[in-house]
Amino acid sequence: KNEKNIKIEVFDNLKEVSNGYYLVLGTFTDAVPRDKLIMKLIDSGDFNASFFFNINSLSYYVYSNKYNNMEEVLYQCKKKEEDELYKNIIIAKAEIDLR
């Protein structure tokens, strides 16, 4: 099976986003499709599904869950790679300097 490259974006200036690795499944500029995807995820059992706003691109990032390290998030990517909801995965790493 061919490995697919997963895009990783690092953010250090997002407000109200805690540090960690977010398994992002879609980016939206409009709230309606954002909310539809969140509801689909929750219906499929991803009860931690939510979103954060990326001020850099003025878009909403919908994620299924947040993880503490890269190994955990990559494991989830591998586990879910056949799932249709997970076909456009991006890993968003938030590293906010709290000093």
Protein backbone atom coordinates (compact mmCIF):
# COMPACT_ATOMS: atom_id res chain seq x y z
CA LYS A 1 0.00 0.00 0.00
CA ASN A 2 1.42 3.37 -0.91
CA GLU A 3 2.13 5.74 1.93
CA LYS A 4 0.45 9.08 1.61
CA ASN A 5 2.13 12.21 2.84
CA ILE A 6 0.25 14.05 5.54
CA LYS A 7 0.52 17.82 5.61
CA ILE A 8 1.65 19.25 8.94
CA GLU A 9 1.04 22.90 9.79
CA VAL A 10 2.59 24.55 12.83
CA PHE A 11 0.94 27.54 14.52
CA ASP A 12 2.37 29.69 17.27
CA ASN A 13 -0.09 32.57 17.27
CA LEU A 14 -3.58 31.08 17.63
CA LYS A 15 -5.70 32.50 20.40
CA GLU A 16 -7.69 30.20 22.70
CA VAL A 17 -6.10 27.05 21.26
CA SER A 18 -4.18 24.84 23.66
CA ASN A 19 -0.84 23.27 22.76
CA GLY A 20 -0.98 19.89 21.07
CA TYR A 21 -1.52 18.06 17.80
CA TYR A 22 -4.92 18.41 16.15
CA LEU A 23 -6.19 15.87 13.61
CA VAL A 24 -7.76 18.33 11.16
CA LEU A 25 -10.28 16.92 8.67
CA GLY A 26 -11.42 20.06 6.91
CA THR A 27 -10.91 23.79 6.61
CA PHE A 28 -13.79 26.15 5.96
CA THR A 29 -14.39 29.86 5.65
CA ASP A 30 -18.13 29.41 6.21
CA ALA A 31 -19.85 28.14 9.36
CA VAL A 32 -22.51 25.98 7.64
CA PRO A 33 -20.23 23.34 6.06
CA ARG A 34 -18.01 23.52 9.17
CA ASP A 35 -20.95 22.58 11.41
CA LYS A 36 -22.11 19.85 8.98
CA LEU A 37 -18.71 18.15 9.16
CA ILE A 38 -18.62 18.41 12.96
CA MET A 39 -22.07 16.79 13.17
CA LYS A 40 -20.98 13.98 10.80
CA LEU A 41 -17.94 13.34 12.97
CA ILE A 42 -19.95 13.30 16.18
CA ASP A 43 -22.51 10.98 14.55
CA SER A 44 -19.67 8.63 13.59
CA GLY A 45 -18.41 8.50 17.18
CA ASP A 46 -15.82 11.29 17.25
CA PHE A 47 -17.30 12.98 20.30
CA ASN A 48 -14.32 15.33 20.72
CA ALA A 49 -14.83 16.85 17.27
CA SER A 50 -14.66 20.62 17.29
CA PHE A 51 -12.94 23.50 15.51
CA PHE A 52 -10.62 26.43 16.00
CA PHE A 53 -10.24 29.62 14.01
CA ASN A 54 -6.97 30.17 12.17
CA ILE A 55 -6.40 33.93 12.11
CA ASN A 56 -3.61 33.52 9.50
CA SER A 57 -5.91 32.12 6.79
CA LEU A 58 -9.21 33.40 8.21
CA SER A 59 -10.62 29.89 8.17
CA TYR A 60 -12.10 27.35 10.55
CA TYR A 61 -10.14 24.13 11.13
CA VAL A 62 -12.42 21.21 12.00
CA TYR A 63 -10.65 18.49 13.98
CA SER A 64 -11.66 15.10 15.31
CA ASN A 65 -9.42 15.12 18.34
CA LYS A 66 -6.34 16.65 19.99
CA TYR A 67 -3.27 14.63 20.92
CA ASN A 68 -0.22 15.25 23.10
CA ASN A 69 2.45 13.96 20.73
CA MET A 70 3.20 13.21 17.10
CA GLU A 71 3.20 9.42 17.59
CA GLU A 72 -0.41 9.42 18.84
CA VAL A 73 -1.72 11.58 16.01
CA LEU A 74 0.13 9.57 13.33
CA TYR A 75 -1.25 6.33 14.78
CA GLN A 76 -4.78 7.73 14.48
CA CYS A 77 -4.10 8.83 10.89
CA LYS A 78 -3.01 5.30 9.99
CA LYS A 79 -5.97 3.74 11.82
CA LYS A 80 -8.52 5.95 10.07
CA GLU A 81 -6.97 6.14 6.58
CA GLU A 82 -9.74 4.06 4.96
CA ASP A 83 -12.52 6.19 6.50
CA GLU A 84 -14.11 8.59 3.99
CA LEU A 85 -14.33 11.39 6.59
CA TYR A 86 -10.55 11.21 7.01
CA LYS A 87 -9.50 11.55 3.38
CA ASN A 88 -8.11 15.12 3.67
CA ILE A 89 -6.17 14.93 6.92
CA ILE A 90 -3.93 17.77 8.04
CA ILE A 91 -2.06 17.70 11.32
CA ALA A 92 -2.08 21.09 13.01
CA LYS A 93 0.52 21.55 15.72
CA ALA A 94 -0.24 24.37 18.11
CA GLU A 95 2.72 25.58 20.11
CA ILE A 96 1.72 28.74 21.85
CA ASP A 97 4.42 30.45 23.86
CA LEU A 98 2.80 31.29 27.18
CA ARG A 99 5.58 33.53 28.50
